[in-house]
Amino acid sequence: MEFEADSALLVIDMLNDFIEEGGALLVPGAKRIVPRIAEIIDGARESGVPVVYVTDSHREDDHEFRHWPPHALTGSWGGEVVKELAPRAGDYVVPKRRYSAFFGTDLDNYLREMGVKTLYLTGVLTNICVYATALDASMRNYSVKVFRDAVASLSEETDSFIFRQLEEVLQAELL
């Protein structure tokens, strides 16, 4: 697998609450992307590309729970990365409380300090956290590439729509 120089891989919200049976906001079919993301992570590590885990991490009184059931509570099983994709020493974990990995986090500073110009995206949900992160990355002049076989939402129709948005609006590359 070829990664561009000056790039980083983002693994977005691959958490027990979204992926595992018994999770608070299980995304049907999302378990299918775990092996592919593991393969991509291995390729990034072999290429020396930084692996950044972006993780929903909510307080019990989070305002997001006005719209969604409580999920990914800080320190809970549901808020942990699925065991097959667990971060390793040297990986960076960015907890977030909103959809975008950039909103209210130090992700942009971290990436700029490393000289990153291109972001590769994987994870869930394609139309929420992946898209919001892609949008914010694009607004910050990063080149965005999305592995279409390593993202998931609640339906193929949603993914198809978001893939068009990523390409047409954000000029992202689908891999």
N, C-alpha and C. Protein backbone atom coordinates (compact mmCIF):
# COMPACT_ATOMS: atom_id res chain seq x y z
N MET A 1 0.85 -1.18 0.00
CA MET A 1 0.00 0.00 0.00
C MET A 1 0.89 1.24 0.00
N GLU A 2 0.61 2.13 -0.90
CA GLU A 2 1.40 3.35 -1.04
C GLU A 2 0.71 4.51 -0.34
N PHE A 3 1.44 5.17 0.54
CA PHE A 3 0.97 6.39 1.17
C PHE A 3 1.84 7.53 0.69
N GLU A 4 1.23 8.69 0.51
CA GLU A 4 2.00 9.85 0.10
C GLU A 4 2.92 10.28 1.23
N ALA A 5 4.04 10.89 0.85
CA ALA A 5 4.93 11.49 1.85
C ALA A 5 4.14 12.60 2.54
N ASP A 6 4.52 12.93 3.74
CA ASP A 6 3.87 14.00 4.50
C ASP A 6 2.38 13.73 4.72
N SER A 7 2.05 12.46 5.02
CA SER A 7 0.65 12.11 5.25
C SER A 7 0.46 11.49 6.63
N ALA A 8 -0.81 11.37 7.02
CA ALA A 8 -1.20 10.69 8.26
C ALA A 8 -2.48 9.93 7.99
N LEU A 9 -2.68 8.85 8.76
CA LEU A 9 -3.90 8.05 8.68
C LEU A 9 -4.76 8.37 9.89
N LEU A 10 -6.03 8.71 9.64
CA LEU A 10 -6.98 8.92 10.73
C LEU A 10 -7.92 7.72 10.80
N VAL A 11 -8.05 7.16 11.99
CA VAL A 11 -8.98 6.06 12.26
C VAL A 11 -10.07 6.67 13.14
N ILE A 12 -11.24 6.88 12.55
CA ILE A 12 -12.29 7.68 13.19
C ILE A 12 -13.36 6.81 13.84
N ASP A 13 -13.49 6.95 15.15
CA ASP A 13 -14.58 6.37 15.94
C ASP A 13 -14.80 4.87 15.77
N MET A 14 -13.73 4.13 15.65
CA MET A 14 -13.85 2.67 15.59
C MET A 14 -13.93 2.14 17.02
N LEU A 15 -15.03 2.48 17.67
CA LEU A 15 -15.23 2.24 19.09
C LEU A 15 -16.25 1.13 19.32
N ASN A 16 -16.13 0.50 20.48
CA ASN A 16 -17.05 -0.58 20.84
C ASN A 16 -18.52 -0.17 20.71
N ASP A 17 -18.87 1.05 21.13
CA ASP A 17 -20.27 1.47 21.07
C ASP A 17 -20.83 1.52 19.65
N PHE A 18 -19.97 1.66 18.64
CA PHE A 18 -20.42 1.71 17.25
C PHE A 18 -20.24 0.39 16.50
N ILE A 19 -19.32 -0.45 16.99
CA ILE A 19 -18.91 -1.63 16.22
C ILE A 19 -19.36 -2.95 16.83
N GLU A 20 -19.30 -3.06 18.14
CA GLU A 20 -19.53 -4.35 18.82
C GLU A 20 -20.99 -4.54 19.24
N GLU A 21 -21.43 -5.80 19.20
CA GLU A 21 -22.77 -6.13 19.71
C GLU A 21 -22.88 -5.61 21.14
N GLY A 22 -24.00 -5.03 21.47
CA GLY A 22 -24.19 -4.45 22.79
C GLY A 22 -23.77 -3.00 22.87
N GLY A 23 -23.20 -2.48 21.78
CA GLY A 23 -22.81 -1.07 21.76
C GLY A 23 -24.02 -0.16 21.75
N ALA A 24 -23.88 1.00 22.34
CA ALA A 24 -25.00 1.95 22.50
C ALA A 24 -25.54 2.47 21.17
N LEU A 25 -24.69 2.61 20.17
CA LEU A 25 -25.11 3.11 18.85
C LEU A 25 -24.52 2.23 17.75
N LEU A 26 -24.85 0.96 17.80
CA LEU A 26 -24.30 -0.01 16.86
C LEU A 26 -24.62 0.39 15.42
N VAL A 27 -23.59 0.40 14.59
CA VAL A 27 -23.74 0.69 13.17
C VAL A 27 -23.79 -0.66 12.45
N PRO A 28 -24.98 -1.06 11.98
CA PRO A 28 -25.09 -2.38 11.33
C PRO A 28 -24.10 -2.48 10.17
N GLY A 29 -23.38 -3.55 10.13
CA GLY A 29 -22.44 -3.76 9.04
C GLY A 29 -21.07 -3.14 9.24
N ALA A 30 -20.88 -2.34 10.27
CA ALA A 30 -19.59 -1.67 10.45
C ALA A 30 -18.49 -2.66 10.83
N LYS A 31 -18.85 -3.76 11.41
CA LYS A 31 -17.85 -4.77 11.79
C LYS A 31 -17.09 -5.25 10.55
N ARG A 32 -17.75 -5.20 9.39
CA ARG A 32 -17.12 -5.69 8.15
C ARG A 32 -15.89 -4.87 7.75
N ILE A 33 -15.78 -3.61 8.18
CA ILE A 33 -14.64 -2.78 7.77
C ILE A 33 -13.43 -2.94 8.69
N VAL A 34 -13.60 -3.62 9.83
CA VAL A 34 -12.50 -3.76 10.78
C VAL A 34 -11.28 -4.44 10.15
N PRO A 35 -11.42 -5.58 9.46
CA PRO A 35 -10.22 -6.20 8.87
C PRO A 35 -9.54 -5.29 7.84
N ARG A 36 -10.32 -4.58 7.06
CA ARG A 36 -9.73 -3.67 6.05
C ARG A 36 -8.97 -2.54 6.73
N ILE A 37 -9.54 -1.98 7.79
CA ILE A 37 -8.84 -0.90 8.50
C ILE A 37 -7.57 -1.44 9.14
N ALA A 38 -7.60 -2.65 9.68
CA ALA A 38 -6.40 -3.25 10.27
C ALA A 38 -5.29 -3.35 9.21
N GLU A 39 -5.68 -3.74 8.00
CA GLU A 39 -4.73 -3.85 6.89
C GLU A 39 -4.14 -2.47 6.54
N ILE A 40 -4.99 -1.46 6.50
CA ILE A 40 -4.54 -0.09 6.19
C ILE A 40 -3.61 0.42 7.29
N ILE A 41 -3.96 0.16 8.54
CA ILE A 41 -3.11 0.59 9.66
C ILE A 41 -1.73 -0.08 9.55
N ASP A 42 -1.71 -1.38 9.26
CA ASP A 42 -0.43 -2.09 9.10
C ASP A 42 0.40 -1.44 7.98
N GLY A 43 -0.25 -1.11 6.88
CA GLY A 43 0.45 -0.47 5.77
C GLY A 43 1.00 0.89 6.15
N ALA A 44 0.23 1.65 6.91
CA ALA A 44 0.69 2.97 7.35
C ALA A 44 1.91 2.82 8.27
N ARG A 45 1.81 1.91 9.22
CA ARG A 45 2.94 1.71 10.15
C ARG A 45 4.20 1.26 9.39
N GLU A 46 4.03 0.34 8.44
CA GLU A 46 5.18 -0.13 7.66
C GLU A 46 5.80 1.00 6.84
N SER A 47 4.98 1.97 6.44
CA SER A 47 5.45 3.10 5.63
C SER A 47 5.95 4.26 6.49
N GLY A 48 5.84 4.12 7.81
CA GLY A 48 6.25 5.21 8.69
C GLY A 48 5.26 6.36 8.75
N VAL A 49 4.02 6.10 8.33
CA VAL A 49 2.98 7.12 8.35
C VAL A 49 2.32 7.13 9.73
N PRO A 50 2.20 8.30 10.35
CA PRO A 50 1.57 8.36 11.67
C PRO A 50 0.12 7.86 11.63
N VAL A 51 -0.25 7.10 12.66
CA VAL A 51 -1.62 6.61 12.81
C VAL A 51 -2.26 7.40 13.94
N VAL A 52 -3.37 8.07 13.62
CA VAL A 52 -4.07 8.91 14.58
C VAL A 52 -5.46 8.35 14.80
N TYR A 53 -5.74 8.00 16.04
CA TYR A 53 -7.07 7.51 16.41
C TYR A 53 -7.89 8.69 16.91
N VAL A 54 -9.02 8.91 16.27
CA VAL A 54 -9.94 9.96 16.67
C VAL A 54 -11.10 9.25 17.37
N THR A 55 -11.36 9.63 18.63
CA THR A 55 -12.32 8.87 19.42
C THR A 55 -13.36 9.77 20.07
N ASP A 56 -14.63 9.48 19.79
CA ASP A 56 -15.69 10.13 20.56
C ASP A 56 -15.38 9.90 22.03
N SER A 57 -15.55 10.93 22.84
CA SER A 57 -15.28 10.81 24.27
C SER A 57 -16.17 11.82 24.98
N HIS A 58 -17.30 11.33 25.48
CA HIS A 58 -18.33 12.23 26.01
C HIS A 58 -18.44 12.19 27.53
N ARG A 59 -18.84 13.32 28.08
CA ARG A 59 -19.25 13.40 29.49
C ARG A 59 -20.68 12.91 29.57
N GLU A 60 -21.12 12.54 30.76
CA GLU A 60 -22.49 12.03 30.93
C GLU A 60 -23.55 13.07 30.60
N ASP A 61 -23.22 14.36 30.73
CA ASP A 61 -24.19 15.43 30.48
C ASP A 61 -23.97 16.12 29.13
N ASP A 62 -23.29 15.43 28.21
CA ASP A 62 -22.95 16.03 26.93
C ASP A 62 -24.20 16.47 26.18
N HIS A 63 -24.16 17.66 25.59
CA HIS A 63 -25.29 18.20 24.83
C HIS A 63 -25.63 17.36 23.61
N GLU A 64 -24.66 16.59 23.11
CA GLU A 64 -24.93 15.73 21.95
C GLU A 64 -26.04 14.72 22.26
N PHE A 65 -26.21 14.42 23.54
CA PHE A 65 -27.21 13.43 23.93
C PHE A 65 -28.64 13.98 23.84
N ARG A 66 -28.78 15.21 23.42
CA ARG A 66 -30.11 15.74 23.08
C ARG A 66 -30.59 15.11 21.78
N HIS A 67 -29.63 14.70 20.94
CA HIS A 67 -29.93 14.16 19.62
C HIS A 67 -29.66 12.66 19.50
N TRP A 68 -28.77 12.14 20.31
CA TRP A 68 -28.36 10.75 20.25
C TRP A 68 -28.42 10.15 21.65
N PRO A 69 -28.62 8.84 21.74
CA PRO A 69 -28.55 8.20 23.06
C PRO A 69 -27.12 8.33 23.60
N PRO A 70 -26.95 8.27 24.92
CA PRO A 70 -25.60 8.33 25.48
C PRO A 70 -24.72 7.23 24.87
N HIS A 71 -23.49 7.62 24.51
CA HIS A 71 -22.55 6.69 23.88
C HIS A 71 -21.13 7.20 24.10
N ALA A 72 -20.18 6.31 23.97
CA ALA A 72 -18.75 6.65 24.03
C ALA A 72 -18.42 7.53 25.24
N LEU A 73 -18.95 7.13 26.39
CA LEU A 73 -18.65 7.88 27.61
C LEU A 73 -17.17 7.72 27.94
N THR A 74 -16.54 8.80 28.33
CA THR A 74 -15.13 8.78 28.68
C THR A 74 -14.86 7.72 29.73
N GLY A 75 -13.89 6.85 29.45
CA GLY A 75 -13.51 5.81 30.39
C GLY A 75 -14.36 4.55 30.36
N SER A 76 -15.36 4.51 29.49
CA SER A 76 -16.26 3.34 29.43
C SER A 76 -15.79 2.34 28.38
N TRP A 77 -16.31 1.11 28.46
CA TRP A 77 -16.05 0.10 27.44
C TRP A 77 -16.48 0.62 26.08
N GLY A 78 -17.63 1.26 26.01
CA GLY A 78 -18.15 1.75 24.74
C GLY A 78 -17.26 2.78 24.08
N GLY A 79 -16.49 3.51 24.86
CA GLY A 79 -15.61 4.54 24.33
C GLY A 79 -14.23 4.05 23.96
N GLU A 80 -13.98 2.75 24.09
CA GLU A 80 -12.67 2.19 23.75
C GLU A 80 -12.63 1.76 22.28
N VAL A 81 -11.45 1.89 21.68
CA VAL A 81 -11.23 1.40 20.32
C VAL A 81 -11.38 -0.12 20.34
N VAL A 82 -12.03 -0.69 19.32
CA VAL A 82 -12.20 -2.14 19.25
C VAL A 82 -10.84 -2.82 19.33
N LYS A 83 -10.81 -3.95 19.99
CA LYS A 83 -9.53 -4.61 20.30
C LYS A 83 -8.71 -4.94 19.06
N GLU A 84 -9.36 -5.27 17.94
CA GLU A 84 -8.62 -5.62 16.72
C GLU A 84 -7.82 -4.44 16.15
N LEU A 85 -8.21 -3.22 16.54
CA LEU A 85 -7.55 -2.02 16.01
C LEU A 85 -6.87 -1.20 17.10
N ALA A 86 -6.67 -1.77 18.25
CA ALA A 86 -6.17 -1.02 19.41
C ALA A 86 -4.91 -0.21 19.08
N PRO A 87 -4.86 1.02 19.56
CA PRO A 87 -3.66 1.84 19.36
C PRO A 87 -2.43 1.17 19.98
N ARG A 88 -1.28 1.46 19.39
CA ARG A 88 -0.01 0.96 19.89
C ARG A 88 0.84 2.15 20.35
N ALA A 89 1.91 1.83 21.03
CA ALA A 89 2.86 2.87 21.43
C ALA A 89 3.28 3.64 20.18
N GLY A 90 3.31 4.94 20.28
CA GLY A 90 3.68 5.78 19.14
C GLY A 90 2.50 6.29 18.34
N ASP A 91 1.33 5.67 18.49
CA ASP A 91 0.12 6.19 17.83
C ASP A 91 -0.38 7.37 18.65
N TYR A 92 -1.17 8.20 18.03
CA TYR A 92 -1.71 9.38 18.70
C TYR A 92 -3.21 9.20 18.82
N VAL A 93 -3.76 9.49 20.01
CA VAL A 93 -5.20 9.38 20.23
C VAL A 93 -5.75 10.77 20.50
N VAL A 94 -6.76 11.15 19.71
CA VAL A 94 -7.39 12.47 19.83
C VAL A 94 -8.83 12.29 20.28
N PRO A 95 -9.12 12.52 21.57
CA PRO A 95 -10.51 12.46 22.01
C PRO A 95 -11.26 13.69 21.49
N LYS A 96 -12.52 13.49 21.13
CA LYS A 96 -13.34 14.60 20.63
C LYS A 96 -14.74 14.50 21.23
N ARG A 97 -15.41 15.65 21.31
CA ARG A 97 -16.78 15.67 21.82
C ARG A 97 -17.79 16.03 20.74
N ARG A 98 -17.34 16.38 19.57
CA ARG A 98 -18.22 16.75 18.47
C ARG A 98 -17.85 15.93 17.24
N TYR A 99 -18.59 16.11 16.17
CA TYR A 99 -18.41 15.27 14.99
C TYR A 99 -17.02 15.38 14.36
N SER A 100 -16.51 16.58 14.20
CA SER A 100 -15.23 16.77 13.53
C SER A 100 -14.06 16.49 14.47
N ALA A 101 -13.04 15.84 13.92
CA ALA A 101 -11.82 15.57 14.67
C ALA A 101 -11.05 16.85 14.96
N PHE A 102 -11.38 17.93 14.26
CA PHE A 102 -10.68 19.20 14.43
C PHE A 102 -11.34 20.11 15.46
N PHE A 103 -12.63 19.97 15.67
CA PHE A 103 -13.36 20.90 16.51
C PHE A 103 -13.01 20.71 17.99
N GLY A 104 -12.38 21.71 18.58
CA GLY A 104 -12.05 21.68 20.01
C GLY A 104 -10.95 20.70 20.38
N THR A 105 -10.12 20.29 19.41
CA THR A 105 -9.02 19.36 19.70
C THR A 105 -7.70 19.99 19.25
N ASP A 106 -6.61 19.32 19.56
CA ASP A 106 -5.30 19.81 19.11
C ASP A 106 -4.80 19.10 17.85
N LEU A 107 -5.70 18.43 17.14
CA LEU A 107 -5.32 17.65 15.96
C LEU A 107 -4.57 18.50 14.93
N ASP A 108 -5.09 19.67 14.60
CA ASP A 108 -4.46 20.50 13.57
C ASP A 108 -3.03 20.87 13.98
N ASN A 109 -2.84 21.26 15.24
CA ASN A 109 -1.48 21.59 15.70
C ASN A 109 -0.56 20.39 15.57
N TYR A 110 -1.03 19.24 15.99
CA TYR A 110 -0.22 18.02 15.93
C TYR A 110 0.19 17.71 14.48
N LEU A 111 -0.77 17.76 13.57
CA LEU A 111 -0.49 17.46 12.16
C LEU A 111 0.49 18.47 11.56
N ARG A 112 0.29 19.73 11.85
CA ARG A 112 1.17 20.77 11.29
C ARG A 112 2.59 20.65 11.85
N GLU A 113 2.70 20.31 13.13
CA GLU A 113 4.03 20.12 13.73
C GLU A 113 4.78 18.99 13.03
N MET A 114 4.07 17.99 12.52
CA MET A 114 4.70 16.88 11.81
C MET A 114 4.86 17.16 10.31
N GLY A 115 4.33 18.28 9.84
CA GLY A 115 4.43 18.61 8.42
C GLY A 115 3.47 17.84 7.54
N VAL A 116 2.37 17.35 8.11
CA VAL A 116 1.39 16.57 7.35
C VAL A 116 0.63 17.48 6.39
N LYS A 117 0.47 16.99 5.16
CA LYS A 117 -0.29 17.72 4.15
C LYS A 117 -1.46 16.91 3.59
N THR A 118 -1.39 15.59 3.74
CA THR A 118 -2.42 14.70 3.21
C THR A 118 -2.96 13.83 4.33
N LEU A 119 -4.30 13.73 4.39
CA LEU A 119 -4.95 12.88 5.39
C LEU A 119 -5.69 11.75 4.70
N TYR A 120 -5.47 10.54 5.18
CA TYR A 120 -6.20 9.36 4.74
C TYR A 120 -7.23 9.06 5.83
N LEU A 121 -8.50 8.90 5.45
CA LEU A 121 -9.57 8.72 6.42
C LEU A 121 -10.19 7.33 6.34
N THR A 122 -10.48 6.78 7.52
CA THR A 122 -11.21 5.53 7.67
C THR A 122 -12.16 5.71 8.85
N GLY A 123 -13.19 4.84 8.96
CA GLY A 123 -14.00 4.82 10.17
C GLY A 123 -15.49 5.01 9.96
N VAL A 124 -16.15 5.39 11.03
CA VAL A 124 -17.60 5.58 11.05
C VAL A 124 -17.96 6.94 11.65
N LEU A 125 -19.08 7.37 11.38
CA LEU A 125 -20.02 7.14 10.31
C LEU A 125 -19.62 8.00 9.12
N THR A 126 -19.73 7.44 7.93
CA THR A 126 -19.30 8.15 6.72
C THR A 126 -19.91 9.53 6.63
N ASN A 127 -21.21 9.63 6.91
CA ASN A 127 -21.93 10.89 6.71
C ASN A 127 -21.90 11.82 7.91
N ILE A 128 -21.31 11.40 9.01
CA ILE A 128 -21.29 12.27 10.18
C ILE A 128 -19.84 12.62 10.52
N CYS A 129 -19.18 11.80 11.30
CA CYS A 129 -17.84 12.14 11.77
C CYS A 129 -16.78 12.09 10.68
N VAL A 130 -16.87 11.13 9.77
CA VAL A 130 -15.90 11.08 8.67
C VAL A 130 -16.08 12.30 7.78
N TYR A 131 -17.32 12.61 7.41
CA TYR A 131 -17.55 13.76 6.53
C TYR A 131 -17.19 15.08 7.22
N ALA A 132 -17.59 15.26 8.47
CA ALA A 132 -17.28 16.50 9.19
C ALA A 132 -15.77 16.69 9.30
N THR A 133 -15.05 15.61 9.52
CA THR A 133 -13.59 15.69 9.60
C THR A 133 -13.00 16.01 8.23
N ALA A 134 -13.52 15.38 7.18
CA ALA A 134 -13.05 15.66 5.82
C ALA A 134 -13.30 17.13 5.46
N LEU A 135 -14.47 17.63 5.80
CA LEU A 135 -14.81 19.03 5.53
C LEU A 135 -13.85 19.97 6.24
N ASP A 136 -13.65 19.76 7.53
CA ASP A 136 -12.74 20.62 8.28
C ASP A 136 -11.30 20.49 7.80
N ALA A 137 -10.89 19.30 7.40
CA ALA A 137 -9.54 19.11 6.85
C ALA A 137 -9.39 19.90 5.56
N SER A 138 -10.39 19.81 4.71
CA SER A 138 -10.36 20.53 3.45
C SER A 138 -10.30 22.05 3.67
N MET A 139 -11.07 22.53 4.64
CA MET A 139 -11.07 23.96 4.95
C MET A 139 -9.72 24.43 5.50
N ARG A 140 -8.94 23.48 6.00
CA ARG A 140 -7.60 23.79 6.52
C ARG A 140 -6.51 23.47 5.50
N ASN A 141 -6.92 23.24 4.26
CA ASN A 141 -6.01 23.01 3.13
C ASN A 141 -5.24 21.71 3.17
N TYR A 142 -5.78 20.70 3.84
CA TYR A 142 -5.19 19.36 3.73
C TYR A 142 -5.77 18.70 2.49
N SER A 143 -4.98 17.86 1.86
CA SER A 143 -5.48 16.98 0.82
C SER A 143 -6.16 15.82 1.54
N VAL A 144 -7.35 15.43 1.08
CA VAL A 144 -8.13 14.39 1.77
C VAL A 144 -8.33 13.19 0.84
N LYS A 145 -8.04 12.01 1.39
CA LYS A 145 -8.25 10.76 0.68
C LYS A 145 -9.05 9.84 1.60
N VAL A 146 -10.09 9.23 1.06
CA VAL A 146 -10.97 8.38 1.86
C VAL A 146 -10.99 6.98 1.28
N PHE A 147 -10.72 6.00 2.13
CA PHE A 147 -10.81 4.60 1.70
C PHE A 147 -12.29 4.22 1.69
N ARG A 148 -12.86 4.09 0.51
CA ARG A 148 -14.30 3.82 0.40
C ARG A 148 -14.68 2.46 1.00
N ASP A 149 -13.74 1.52 1.05
CA ASP A 149 -14.02 0.21 1.63
C ASP A 149 -13.64 0.13 3.12
N ALA A 150 -13.35 1.28 3.71
CA ALA A 150 -12.95 1.31 5.12
C ALA A 150 -13.74 2.38 5.89
N VAL A 151 -14.93 2.71 5.37
CA VAL A 151 -15.87 3.61 6.06
C VAL A 151 -17.25 2.96 6.01
N ALA A 152 -18.11 3.34 6.94
CA ALA A 152 -19.46 2.78 6.97
C ALA A 152 -20.43 3.79 7.56
N SER A 153 -21.65 3.71 7.07
CA SER A 153 -22.76 4.51 7.63
C SER A 153 -23.93 3.55 7.82
N LEU A 154 -25.12 4.09 7.90
CA LEU A 154 -26.29 3.24 8.13
C LEU A 154 -26.87 2.65 6.85
N SER A 155 -26.41 3.14 5.67
CA SER A 155 -26.93 2.58 4.42
C SER A 155 -25.98 2.83 3.25
N GLU A 156 -26.08 2.00 2.24
CA GLU A 156 -25.29 2.19 1.02
C GLU A 156 -25.69 3.47 0.31
N GLU A 157 -26.98 3.82 0.37
CA GLU A 157 -27.44 5.06 -0.26
C GLU A 157 -26.78 6.27 0.38
N THR A 158 -26.67 6.25 1.69
CA THR A 158 -26.02 7.35 2.41
C THR A 158 -24.56 7.43 1.99
N ASP A 159 -23.87 6.28 1.98
CA ASP A 159 -22.46 6.27 1.57
C ASP A 159 -22.31 6.82 0.15
N SER A 160 -23.16 6.38 -0.78
CA SER A 160 -23.07 6.86 -2.16
C SER A 160 -23.22 8.37 -2.24
N PHE A 161 -24.19 8.91 -1.51
CA PHE A 161 -24.39 10.36 -1.50
C PHE A 161 -23.16 11.08 -0.95
N ILE A 162 -22.64 10.59 0.18
CA ILE A 162 -21.49 11.24 0.80
C ILE A 162 -20.24 11.10 -0.07
N PHE A 163 -20.08 9.97 -0.73
CA PHE A 163 -18.94 9.82 -1.64
C PHE A 163 -18.99 10.89 -2.73
N ARG A 164 -20.19 11.15 -3.28
CA ARG A 164 -20.32 12.22 -4.28
C ARG A 164 -19.98 13.57 -3.69
N GLN A 165 -20.45 13.83 -2.46
CA GLN A 165 -20.15 15.10 -1.79
C GLN A 165 -18.64 15.25 -1.57
N LEU A 166 -18.01 14.18 -1.12
CA LEU A 166 -16.57 14.23 -0.88
C LEU A 166 -15.82 14.59 -2.16
N GLU A 167 -16.19 13.96 -3.26
CA GLU A 167 -15.51 14.22 -4.53
C GLU A 167 -15.87 15.58 -5.12
N GLU A 168 -17.16 15.88 -5.20
CA GLU A 168 -17.61 17.07 -5.90
C GLU A 168 -17.42 18.36 -5.10
N VAL A 169 -17.67 18.30 -3.82
CA VAL A 169 -17.61 19.51 -3.01
C VAL A 169 -16.22 19.71 -2.41
N LEU A 170 -15.65 18.66 -1.84
CA LEU A 170 -14.37 18.78 -1.13
C LEU A 170 -13.16 18.44 -1.98
N GLN A 171 -13.39 17.93 -3.19
CA GLN A 171 -12.31 17.50 -4.06
C GLN A 171 -11.45 16.41 -3.40
N ALA A 172 -12.08 15.60 -2.55
CA ALA A 172 -11.39 14.49 -1.90
C ALA A 172 -11.23 13.37 -2.92
N GLU A 173 -10.22 12.55 -2.70
CA GLU A 173 -9.99 11.40 -3.55
C GLU A 173 -10.52 10.15 -2.84
N LEU A 174 -11.33 9.37 -3.57
CA LEU A 174 -11.81 8.11 -3.04
C LEU A 174 -10.89 7.00 -3.50
N LEU A 175 -10.44 6.19 -2.56
CA LEU A 175 -9.50 5.11 -2.86
C LEU A 175 -10.23 3.77 -2.84
